[in-house]
Protein backbone atom coordinates (compact mmCIF):
# COMPACT_ATOMS: atom_id res chain seq x y z
CA MET A 1 -2.74 1.98 -20.26
CA PHE A 2 -0.04 3.26 -17.93
CA THR A 3 -1.80 1.94 -14.83
CA ASP A 4 -0.64 -1.55 -15.77
CA ILE A 5 3.06 -0.73 -15.97
CA GLY A 6 4.95 -3.31 -13.99
CA THR A 7 2.00 -5.64 -13.48
CA GLU A 8 3.52 -8.38 -15.62
CA VAL A 9 6.85 -7.98 -13.84
CA TYR A 10 5.25 -8.10 -10.40
CA GLN A 11 3.34 -11.28 -11.31
CA ALA A 12 6.64 -13.00 -12.05
CA TRP A 13 8.01 -12.16 -8.59
CA SER A 14 8.09 -14.68 -5.77
CA THR A 15 6.12 -14.05 -2.61
CA GLU A 16 9.38 -13.25 -0.85
CA LYS A 17 10.30 -10.62 -3.47
CA ARG A 18 6.83 -9.05 -3.27
CA ARG A 19 7.09 -8.89 0.50
CA GLU A 20 10.54 -7.31 0.30
CA GLU A 21 9.37 -4.66 -2.17
CA ILE A 22 6.27 -3.79 -0.16
CA GLY A 23 8.51 -3.41 2.89
CA LYS A 24 10.53 -0.89 0.88
CA LEU A 25 7.32 0.91 -0.06
CA VAL A 26 6.39 1.20 3.63
CA GLU A 27 9.83 2.65 4.37
CA GLY A 28 9.30 5.06 1.48
CA TYR A 29 5.96 6.11 2.96
CA ARG A 30 7.63 6.76 6.29
CA ALA A 31 10.16 8.92 4.44
CA GLY A 32 7.49 10.97 2.71
CA VAL A 33 5.97 9.03 -0.20
CA PRO A 34 2.23 9.87 -0.35
CA VAL A 35 -0.06 7.27 1.21
CA VAL A 36 -2.10 6.89 -1.99
CA VAL A 37 1.09 5.93 -3.85
CA LEU A 38 1.87 3.42 -1.08
CA CYS A 39 -1.58 1.83 -1.31
CA MET A 40 -1.88 1.67 -5.07
CA THR A 41 1.65 0.44 -5.65
CA ALA A 42 1.34 -2.14 -2.87
CA ALA A 43 -1.81 -3.47 -4.57
CA ALA A 44 0.00 -3.71 -7.91
CA VAL A 45 2.98 -5.49 -6.37
CA ALA A 46 0.89 -7.81 -4.20
CA GLY A 47 -1.47 -8.70 -7.03
CA SER A 48 -4.66 -7.72 -5.22
CA HIS A 49 -6.12 -5.27 -2.76
CA ASP A 50 -6.59 -7.94 -0.09
CA ASP A 51 -3.04 -9.24 -0.41
CA ALA A 52 -1.69 -5.68 -0.24
CA ARG A 53 -3.68 -5.03 2.93
CA GLU A 54 -2.23 -8.18 4.48
CA TYR A 55 1.34 -7.20 3.57
CA LEU A 56 0.83 -3.66 4.87
CA SER A 57 -0.51 -4.97 8.16
CA ASP A 58 2.60 -7.14 8.46
CA PHE A 59 4.87 -4.10 8.14
CA MET A 60 2.79 -1.47 9.93
CA PRO A 61 1.41 -1.95 13.44
CA LEU A 62 -2.28 -1.22 13.96
CA GLU A 63 -1.54 2.03 15.77
CA GLU A 64 0.45 3.32 12.81
CA ARG A 65 -2.25 2.30 10.34
CA GLN A 66 -4.90 4.01 12.47
CA ALA A 67 -2.74 7.17 12.52
CA VAL A 68 -2.46 7.03 8.73
CA VAL A 69 -6.25 6.90 8.44
CA ALA A 70 -6.69 9.71 10.98
CA ALA A 71 -4.21 11.88 9.08
CA GLN A 72 -6.50 11.69 6.03
CA ALA A 73 -9.43 13.28 7.92
CA GLY A 74 -9.33 16.46 5.83
CA ALA A 75 -8.75 14.71 2.52
CA ASP A 76 -11.24 14.02 -0.23
CA GLU A 77 -13.78 11.31 0.73
CA GLU A 78 -12.54 9.05 -2.05
CA VAL A 79 -8.99 9.24 -0.69
CA GLN A 80 -10.19 8.61 2.85
CA SER A 81 -12.14 5.57 1.74
CA LEU A 82 -9.19 4.21 -0.26
CA VAL A 83 -6.78 4.61 2.64
CA ARG A 84 -9.23 3.09 5.13
CA SER A 85 -9.73 0.09 2.86
CA PHE A 86 -6.01 -0.66 2.84
CA MET A 87 -5.17 0.21 6.43
CA LEU A 88 -8.08 -1.11 8.50
């Protein structure tokens, strides 16, 4: 139920607005927002996993995305897999 909060609002946004908001999410991640929150919210805003991955790659260079994945090495396998799927 609560996982869909905002979905209707995000769907009404233009591509430019989605891009702007995902850029803000990336800045939030760099300031300490958990990576899982970044990934899941980016997917909601973008409208799909694949679109979110594309937006994230626009805002985060490959080296940074690889570092994000490496930082999850000790995390739960499900979290590692989720992060890898968005970052690489």
